[in-house]
ModelCIF file with pLDDT and N, C-alpha, C, O atoms, coordinates in Angstrom:
data_MODEL
#
_entry.id   MODEL 
#
_entity.id                         1 
_entity.type                       polymer 
_entity.pdbx_number_of_molecules   1 
#
_entity_poly.entity_id                      1 
_entity_poly.type                           'polypeptide(L)' 
_entity_poly.nstd_linkage                   no 
_entity_poly.nstd_monomer                   no 
_entity_poly.pdbx_seq_one_letter_code       VALVLVSSTIFADETIPQIHQRVTDYTNTLTYQEW 
_entity_poly.pdbx_seq_one_letter_code_can   VALVLVSSTIFADETIPQIHQRVTDYTNTLTYQEW 
_entity_poly.pdbx_strand_id                 A 
#
loop_
_entity_poly_seq.entity_id 
_entity_poly_seq.num 
_entity_poly_seq.mon_id 
_entity_poly_seq.hetero 
1 1  VAL n 
1 2  ALA n 
1 3  LEU n 
1 4  VAL n 
1 5  LEU n 
1 6  VAL n 
1 7  SER n 
1 8  SER n 
1 9  THR n 
1 10 ILE n 
1 11 PHE n 
1 12 ALA n 
1 13 ASP n 
1 14 GLU n 
1 15 THR n 
1 16 ILE n 
1 17 PRO n 
1 18 GLN n 
1 19 ILE n 
1 20 HIS n 
1 21 GLN n 
1 22 ARG n 
1 23 VAL n 
1 24 THR n 
1 25 ASP n 
1 26 TYR n 
1 27 THR n 
1 28 ASN n 
1 29 THR n 
1 30 LEU n 
1 31 THR n 
1 32 TYR n 
1 33 GLN n 
1 34 GLU n 
1 35 TRP n 
#
_struct_asym.id          A 
_struct_asym.entity_id   1 
#
loop_
_ma_qa_metric.id 
_ma_qa_metric.mode 
_ma_qa_metric.name 
_ma_qa_metric.software_group_id 
_ma_qa_metric.type 
1 global pLDDT . pLDDT 
2 local  pLDDT . pLDDT 
#
_ma_qa_metric_global.metric_id      1 
_ma_qa_metric_global.metric_value   74.23 
_ma_qa_metric_global.model_id       1 
_ma_qa_metric_global.ordinal_id     1 
#
loop_
_ma_qa_metric_local.label_asym_id 
_ma_qa_metric_local.label_comp_id 
_ma_qa_metric_local.label_seq_id 
_ma_qa_metric_local.metric_id 
_ma_qa_metric_local.metric_value 
_ma_qa_metric_local.model_id 
_ma_qa_metric_local.ordinal_id 
A VAL 1  2 46.00 1 1  
A ALA 2  2 46.00 1 2  
A LEU 3  2 45.00 1 3  
A VAL 4  2 45.00 1 4  
A LEU 5  2 46.00 1 5  
A VAL 6  2 46.00 1 6  
A SER 7  2 45.00 1 7  
A SER 8  2 45.00 1 8  
A THR 9  2 44.00 1 9  
A ILE 10 2 42.00 1 10 
A PHE 11 2 42.00 1 11 
A ALA 12 2 47.00 1 12 
A ASP 13 2 53.00 1 13 
A GLU 14 2 57.00 1 14 
A THR 15 2 74.00 1 15 
A ILE 16 2 87.00 1 16 
A PRO 17 2 90.00 1 17 
A GLN 18 2 90.00 1 18 
A ILE 19 2 91.00 1 19 
A HIS 20 2 92.00 1 20 
A GLN 21 2 94.00 1 21 
A ARG 22 2 96.00 1 22 
A VAL 23 2 96.00 1 23 
A THR 24 2 96.00 1 24 
A ASP 25 2 96.00 1 25 
A TYR 26 2 95.00 1 26 
A THR 27 2 95.00 1 27 
A ASN 28 2 93.00 1 28 
A THR 29 2 96.00 1 29 
A LEU 30 2 96.00 1 30 
A THR 31 2 95.00 1 31 
A TYR 32 2 94.00 1 32 
A GLN 33 2 93.00 1 33 
A GLU 34 2 95.00 1 34 
A TRP 35 2 95.00 1 35 
#
loop_
_atom_site.group_PDB 
_atom_site.id 
_atom_site.type_symbol 
_atom_site.label_atom_id 
_atom_site.label_alt_id 
_atom_site.label_comp_id 
_atom_site.label_asym_id 
_atom_site.label_entity_id 
_atom_site.label_seq_id 
_atom_site.pdbx_PDB_ins_code 
_atom_site.Cartn_x 
_atom_site.Cartn_y 
_atom_site.Cartn_z 
_atom_site.occupancy 
_atom_site.B_iso_or_equiv 
_atom_site.pdbx_formal_charge 
_atom_site.auth_seq_id 
_atom_site.auth_comp_id 
_atom_site.auth_asym_id 
_atom_site.auth_atom_id 
_atom_site.pdbx_PDB_model_num 
ATOM 1   N N  . VAL A 1 1  ? 0.837   -1.204 0.000   1.00 46.00 ? 1  VAL A N  1 
ATOM 2   C CA . VAL A 1 1  ? 0.000   0.000  0.000   1.00 46.00 ? 1  VAL A CA 1 
ATOM 3   C C  . VAL A 1 1  ? 0.866   1.247  0.000   1.00 46.00 ? 1  VAL A C  1 
ATOM 4   O O  . VAL A 1 1  ? 0.586   2.195  -0.733  1.00 46.00 ? 1  VAL A O  1 
ATOM 5   N N  . ALA A 1 2  ? 1.927   1.258  0.821   1.00 46.00 ? 2  ALA A N  1 
ATOM 6   C CA . ALA A 1 2  ? 2.814   2.417  0.893   1.00 46.00 ? 2  ALA A CA 1 
ATOM 7   C C  . ALA A 1 2  ? 3.498   2.653  -0.443  1.00 46.00 ? 2  ALA A C  1 
ATOM 8   O O  . ALA A 1 2  ? 3.665   3.798  -0.863  1.00 46.00 ? 2  ALA A O  1 
ATOM 9   N N  . LEU A 1 3  ? 3.897   1.567  -1.119  1.00 45.00 ? 3  LEU A N  1 
ATOM 10  C CA . LEU A 1 3  ? 4.535   1.687  -2.421  1.00 45.00 ? 3  LEU A CA 1 
ATOM 11  C C  . LEU A 1 3  ? 3.586   2.281  -3.441  1.00 45.00 ? 3  LEU A C  1 
ATOM 12  O O  . LEU A 1 3  ? 3.961   3.162  -4.215  1.00 45.00 ? 3  LEU A O  1 
ATOM 13  N N  . VAL A 1 4  ? 2.333   1.784  -3.438  1.00 45.00 ? 4  VAL A N  1 
ATOM 14  C CA . VAL A 1 4  ? 1.323   2.318  -4.360  1.00 45.00 ? 4  VAL A CA 1 
ATOM 15  C C  . VAL A 1 4  ? 1.048   3.776  -4.049  1.00 45.00 ? 4  VAL A C  1 
ATOM 16  O O  . VAL A 1 4  ? 0.831   4.587  -4.948  1.00 45.00 ? 4  VAL A O  1 
ATOM 17  N N  . LEU A 1 5  ? 1.060   4.105  -2.736  1.00 46.00 ? 5  LEU A N  1 
ATOM 18  C CA . LEU A 1 5  ? 0.797   5.472  -2.291  1.00 46.00 ? 5  LEU A CA 1 
ATOM 19  C C  . LEU A 1 5  ? 1.819   6.433  -2.873  1.00 46.00 ? 5  LEU A C  1 
ATOM 20  O O  . LEU A 1 5  ? 1.457   7.496  -3.378  1.00 46.00 ? 5  LEU A O  1 
ATOM 21  N N  . VAL A 1 6  ? 3.095   6.067  -2.806  1.00 46.00 ? 6  VAL A N  1 
ATOM 22  C CA . VAL A 1 6  ? 4.149   6.939  -3.314  1.00 46.00 ? 6  VAL A CA 1 
ATOM 23  C C  . VAL A 1 6  ? 4.075   7.066  -4.824  1.00 46.00 ? 6  VAL A C  1 
ATOM 24  O O  . VAL A 1 6  ? 4.168   8.170  -5.362  1.00 46.00 ? 6  VAL A O  1 
ATOM 25  N N  . SER A 1 7  ? 3.906   5.933  -5.515  1.00 45.00 ? 7  SER A N  1 
ATOM 26  C CA . SER A 1 7  ? 3.882   5.955  -6.977  1.00 45.00 ? 7  SER A CA 1 
ATOM 27  C C  . SER A 1 7  ? 2.675   6.706  -7.502  1.00 45.00 ? 7  SER A C  1 
ATOM 28  O O  . SER A 1 7  ? 2.777   7.414  -8.504  1.00 45.00 ? 7  SER A O  1 
ATOM 29  N N  . SER A 1 8  ? 1.518   6.564  -6.838  1.00 45.00 ? 8  SER A N  1 
ATOM 30  C CA . SER A 1 8  ? 0.317   7.257  -7.306  1.00 45.00 ? 8  SER A CA 1 
ATOM 31  C C  . SER A 1 8  ? 0.395   8.747  -7.032  1.00 45.00 ? 8  SER A C  1 
ATOM 32  O O  . SER A 1 8  ? -0.276  9.536  -7.699  1.00 45.00 ? 8  SER A O  1 
ATOM 33  N N  . THR A 1 9  ? 1.211   9.147  -6.049  1.00 44.00 ? 9  THR A N  1 
ATOM 34  C CA . THR A 1 9  ? 1.410   10.572 -5.802  1.00 44.00 ? 9  THR A CA 1 
ATOM 35  C C  . THR A 1 9  ? 2.208   11.190 -6.941  1.00 44.00 ? 9  THR A C  1 
ATOM 36  O O  . THR A 1 9  ? 1.946   12.314 -7.368  1.00 44.00 ? 9  THR A O  1 
ATOM 37  N N  . ILE A 1 10 ? 3.188   10.430 -7.425  1.00 42.00 ? 10 ILE A N  1 
ATOM 38  C CA . ILE A 1 10 ? 4.025   10.931 -8.517  1.00 42.00 ? 10 ILE A CA 1 
ATOM 39  C C  . ILE A 1 10 ? 3.260   10.923 -9.834  1.00 42.00 ? 10 ILE A C  1 
ATOM 40  O O  . ILE A 1 10 ? 3.360   11.853 -10.635 1.00 42.00 ? 10 ILE A O  1 
ATOM 41  N N  . PHE A 1 11 ? 2.493   9.852  -10.042 1.00 42.00 ? 11 PHE A N  1 
ATOM 42  C CA . PHE A 1 11 ? 1.757   9.717  -11.296 1.00 42.00 ? 11 PHE A CA 1 
ATOM 43  C C  . PHE A 1 11 ? 0.264   9.761  -10.996 1.00 42.00 ? 11 PHE A C  1 
ATOM 44  O O  . PHE A 1 11 ? -0.398  8.724  -11.014 1.00 42.00 ? 11 PHE A O  1 
ATOM 45  N N  . ALA A 1 12 ? -0.269  10.939 -10.724 1.00 47.00 ? 12 ALA A N  1 
ATOM 46  C CA . ALA A 1 12 ? -1.688  11.099 -10.371 1.00 47.00 ? 12 ALA A CA 1 
ATOM 47  C C  . ALA A 1 12 ? -2.571  10.751 -11.560 1.00 47.00 ? 12 ALA A C  1 
ATOM 48  O O  . ALA A 1 12 ? -2.291  11.146 -12.692 1.00 47.00 ? 12 ALA A O  1 
ATOM 49  N N  . ASP A 1 13 ? -3.634  10.012 -11.293 1.00 53.00 ? 13 ASP A N  1 
ATOM 50  C CA . ASP A 1 13 ? -4.568  9.590  -12.332 1.00 53.00 ? 13 ASP A CA 1 
ATOM 51  C C  . ASP A 1 13 ? -5.588  10.699 -12.561 1.00 53.00 ? 13 ASP A C  1 
ATOM 52  O O  . ASP A 1 13 ? -6.402  10.999 -11.687 1.00 53.00 ? 13 ASP A O  1 
ATOM 53  N N  . GLU A 1 14 ? -5.534  11.302 -13.742 1.00 57.00 ? 14 GLU A N  1 
ATOM 54  C CA . GLU A 1 14 ? -6.420  12.419 -14.042 1.00 57.00 ? 14 GLU A CA 1 
ATOM 55  C C  . GLU A 1 14 ? -7.868  11.981 -14.248 1.00 57.00 ? 14 GLU A C  1 
ATOM 56  O O  . GLU A 1 14 ? -8.774  12.815 -14.270 1.00 57.00 ? 14 GLU A O  1 
ATOM 57  N N  . THR A 1 15 ? -8.088  10.667 -14.401 1.00 74.00 ? 15 THR A N  1 
ATOM 58  C CA . THR A 1 15 ? -9.459  10.181 -14.580 1.00 74.00 ? 15 THR A CA 1 
ATOM 59  C C  . THR A 1 15 ? -10.186 10.050 -13.247 1.00 74.00 ? 15 THR A C  1 
ATOM 60  O O  . THR A 1 15 ? -11.404 9.871  -13.222 1.00 74.00 ? 15 THR A O  1 
ATOM 61  N N  . ILE A 1 16 ? -9.465  10.135 -12.155 1.00 87.00 ? 16 ILE A N  1 
ATOM 62  C CA . ILE A 1 16 ? -10.074 10.035 -10.831 1.00 87.00 ? 16 ILE A CA 1 
ATOM 63  C C  . ILE A 1 16 ? -10.587 11.405 -10.417 1.00 87.00 ? 16 ILE A C  1 
ATOM 64  O O  . ILE A 1 16 ? -9.830  12.375 -10.434 1.00 87.00 ? 16 ILE A O  1 
ATOM 65  N N  . PRO A 1 17 ? -11.873 11.502 -10.043 1.00 90.00 ? 17 PRO A N  1 
ATOM 66  C CA . PRO A 1 17 ? -12.443 12.811 -9.718  1.00 90.00 ? 17 PRO A CA 1 
ATOM 67  C C  . PRO A 1 17 ? -11.897 13.410 -8.432  1.00 90.00 ? 17 PRO A C  1 
ATOM 68  O O  . PRO A 1 17 ? -11.648 12.699 -7.459  1.00 90.00 ? 17 PRO A O  1 
ATOM 69  N N  . GLN A 1 18 ? -11.716 14.708 -8.439  1.00 90.00 ? 18 GLN A N  1 
ATOM 70  C CA . GLN A 1 18 ? -11.401 15.445 -7.219  1.00 90.00 ? 18 GLN A CA 1 
ATOM 71  C C  . GLN A 1 18 ? -12.719 15.751 -6.521  1.00 90.00 ? 18 GLN A C  1 
ATOM 72  O O  . GLN A 1 18 ? -13.610 16.380 -7.091  1.00 90.00 ? 18 GLN A O  1 
ATOM 73  N N  . ILE A 1 19 ? -12.826 15.298 -5.288  1.00 91.00 ? 19 ILE A N  1 
ATOM 74  C CA . ILE A 1 19 ? -14.060 15.471 -4.527  1.00 91.00 ? 19 ILE A CA 1 
ATOM 75  C C  . ILE A 1 19 ? -14.007 16.793 -3.776  1.00 91.00 ? 19 ILE A C  1 
ATOM 76  O O  . ILE A 1 19 ? -13.070 17.046 -3.019  1.00 91.00 ? 19 ILE A O  1 
ATOM 77  N N  . HIS A 1 20 ? -15.007 17.628 -3.984  1.00 92.00 ? 20 HIS A N  1 
ATOM 78  C CA . HIS A 1 20 ? -15.079 18.925 -3.306  1.00 92.00 ? 20 HIS A CA 1 
ATOM 79  C C  . HIS A 1 20 ? -16.268 19.007 -2.350  1.00 92.00 ? 20 HIS A C  1 
ATOM 80  O O  . HIS A 1 20 ? -16.502 20.045 -1.730  1.00 92.00 ? 20 HIS A O  1 
ATOM 81  N N  . GLN A 1 21 ? -17.009 17.920 -2.236  1.00 94.00 ? 21 GLN A N  1 
ATOM 82  C CA . GLN A 1 21 ? -18.169 17.855 -1.348  1.00 94.00 ? 21 GLN A CA 1 
ATOM 83  C C  . GLN A 1 21 ? -18.198 16.476 -0.711  1.00 94.00 ? 21 GLN A C  1 
ATOM 84  O O  . GLN A 1 21 ? -17.604 15.533 -1.233  1.00 94.00 ? 21 GLN A O  1 
ATOM 85  N N  . ARG A 1 22 ? -18.876 16.361 0.395   1.00 96.00 ? 22 ARG A N  1 
ATOM 86  C CA . ARG A 1 22 ? -18.969 15.064 1.059   1.00 96.00 ? 22 ARG A CA 1 
ATOM 87  C C  . ARG A 1 22 ? -19.807 14.091 0.249   1.00 96.00 ? 22 ARG A C  1 
ATOM 88  O O  . ARG A 1 22 ? -19.575 12.883 0.299   1.00 96.00 ? 22 ARG A O  1 
ATOM 89  N N  . VAL A 1 23 ? -20.775 14.601 -0.495  1.00 96.00 ? 23 VAL A N  1 
ATOM 90  C CA . VAL A 1 23 ? -21.610 13.762 -1.357  1.00 96.00 ? 23 VAL A CA 1 
ATOM 91  C C  . VAL A 1 23 ? -21.494 14.291 -2.780  1.00 96.00 ? 23 VAL A C  1 
ATOM 92  O O  . VAL A 1 23 ? -21.879 15.426 -3.060  1.00 96.00 ? 23 VAL A O  1 
ATOM 93  N N  . THR A 1 24 ? -20.964 13.470 -3.673  1.00 96.00 ? 24 THR A N  1 
ATOM 94  C CA . THR A 1 24 ? -20.814 13.855 -5.075  1.00 96.00 ? 24 THR A CA 1 
ATOM 95  C C  . THR A 1 24 ? -21.608 12.873 -5.931  1.00 96.00 ? 24 THR A C  1 
ATOM 96  O O  . THR A 1 24 ? -21.296 11.683 -5.977  1.00 96.00 ? 24 THR A O  1 
ATOM 97  N N  . ASP A 1 25 ? -22.625 13.376 -6.600  1.00 96.00 ? 25 ASP A N  1 
ATOM 98  C CA . ASP A 1 25 ? -23.511 12.529 -7.397  1.00 96.00 ? 25 ASP A CA 1 
ATOM 99  C C  . ASP A 1 25 ? -23.405 12.899 -8.865  1.00 96.00 ? 25 ASP A C  1 
ATOM 100 O O  . ASP A 1 25 ? -24.096 13.803 -9.337  1.00 96.00 ? 25 ASP A O  1 
ATOM 101 N N  . TYR A 1 26 ? -22.538 12.198 -9.587  1.00 95.00 ? 26 TYR A N  1 
ATOM 102 C CA . TYR A 1 26 ? -22.394 12.443 -11.019 1.00 95.00 ? 26 TYR A CA 1 
ATOM 103 C C  . TYR A 1 26 ? -23.549 11.843 -11.821 1.00 95.00 ? 26 TYR A C  1 
ATOM 104 O O  . TYR A 1 26 ? -23.659 12.090 -13.022 1.00 95.00 ? 26 TYR A O  1 
ATOM 105 N N  . THR A 1 27 ? -24.403 11.063 -11.176 1.00 95.00 ? 27 THR A N  1 
ATOM 106 C CA . THR A 1 27 ? -25.525 10.432 -11.863 1.00 95.00 ? 27 THR A CA 1 
ATOM 107 C C  . THR A 1 27 ? -26.802 11.260 -11.778 1.00 95.00 ? 27 THR A C  1 
ATOM 108 O O  . THR A 1 27 ? -27.782 10.974 -12.466 1.00 95.00 ? 27 THR A O  1 
ATOM 109 N N  . ASN A 1 28 ? -26.787 12.297 -10.923 1.00 93.00 ? 28 ASN A N  1 
ATOM 110 C CA . ASN A 1 28 ? -27.984 13.109 -10.670 1.00 93.00 ? 28 ASN A CA 1 
ATOM 111 C C  . ASN A 1 28 ? -29.169 12.259 -10.229 1.00 93.00 ? 28 ASN A C  1 
ATOM 112 O O  . ASN A 1 28 ? -30.316 12.542 -10.575 1.00 93.00 ? 28 ASN A O  1 
ATOM 113 N N  . THR A 1 29 ? -28.876 11.215 -9.462  1.00 96.00 ? 29 THR A N  1 
ATOM 114 C CA . THR A 1 29 ? -29.926 10.365 -8.897  1.00 96.00 ? 29 THR A CA 1 
ATOM 115 C C  . THR A 1 29 ? -30.636 11.068 -7.749  1.00 96.00 ? 29 THR A C  1 
ATOM 116 O O  . THR A 1 29 ? -31.858 10.988 -7.622  1.00 96.00 ? 29 THR A O  1 
ATOM 117 N N  . LEU A 1 30 ? -29.869 11.754 -6.919  1.00 96.00 ? 30 LEU A N  1 
ATOM 118 C CA . LEU A 1 30 ? -30.423 12.441 -5.755  1.00 96.00 ? 30 LEU A CA 1 
ATOM 119 C C  . LEU A 1 30 ? -31.023 13.773 -6.160  1.00 96.00 ? 30 LEU A C  1 
ATOM 120 O O  . LEU A 1 30 ? -30.520 14.455 -7.053  1.00 96.00 ? 30 LEU A O  1 
ATOM 121 N N  . THR A 1 31 ? -32.097 14.127 -5.496  1.00 95.00 ? 31 THR A N  1 
ATOM 122 C CA . THR A 1 31 ? -32.627 15.477 -5.674  1.00 95.00 ? 31 THR A CA 1 
ATOM 123 C C  . THR A 1 31 ? -31.727 16.441 -4.920  1.00 95.00 ? 31 THR A C  1 
ATOM 124 O O  . THR A 1 31 ? -30.904 16.028 -4.104  1.00 95.00 ? 31 THR A O  1 
ATOM 125 N N  . TYR A 1 32 ? -31.888 17.703 -5.194  1.00 94.00 ? 32 TYR A N  1 
ATOM 126 C CA . TYR A 1 32 ? -31.072 18.709 -4.521  1.00 94.00 ? 32 TYR A CA 1 
ATOM 127 C C  . TYR A 1 32 ? -31.290 18.667 -3.011  1.00 94.00 ? 32 TYR A C  1 
ATOM 128 O O  . TYR A 1 32 ? -30.331 18.779 -2.247  1.00 94.00 ? 32 TYR A O  1 
ATOM 129 N N  . GLN A 1 33 ? -32.518 18.511 -2.579  1.00 93.00 ? 33 GLN A N  1 
ATOM 130 C CA . GLN A 1 33 ? -32.808 18.483 -1.153  1.00 93.00 ? 33 GLN A CA 1 
ATOM 131 C C  . GLN A 1 33 ? -32.227 17.237 -0.494  1.00 93.00 ? 33 GLN A C  1 
ATOM 132 O O  . GLN A 1 33 ? -31.714 17.310 0.623   1.00 93.00 ? 33 GLN A O  1 
ATOM 133 N N  . GLU A 1 34 ? -32.302 16.093 -1.176  1.00 95.00 ? 34 GLU A N  1 
ATOM 134 C CA . GLU A 1 34 ? -31.709 14.878 -0.637  1.00 95.00 ? 34 GLU A CA 1 
ATOM 135 C C  . GLU A 1 34 ? -30.206 15.026 -0.491  1.00 95.00 ? 34 GLU A C  1 
ATOM 136 O O  . GLU A 1 34 ? -29.632 14.616 0.518   1.00 95.00 ? 34 GLU A O  1 
ATOM 137 N N  . TRP A 1 35 ? -29.567 15.614 -1.498  1.00 95.00 ? 35 TRP A N  1 
ATOM 138 C CA . TRP A 1 35 ? -28.134 15.851 -1.441  1.00 95.00 ? 35 TRP A CA 1 
ATOM 139 C C  . TRP A 1 35 ? -27.775 16.749 -0.257  1.00 95.00 ? 35 TRP A C  1 
ATOM 140 O O  . TRP A 1 35 ? -26.602 17.058 -0.051  1.00 95.00 ? 35 TRP A O  1 
#
């Protein structure tokens, strides 16, 4: 895990989303109020 941690820090995967909220719904399944 530590090895993967270091290597993934150097080579960050741009396809992985940066989370800016505790709940992130890219599917728009939740209503705004539920979110």
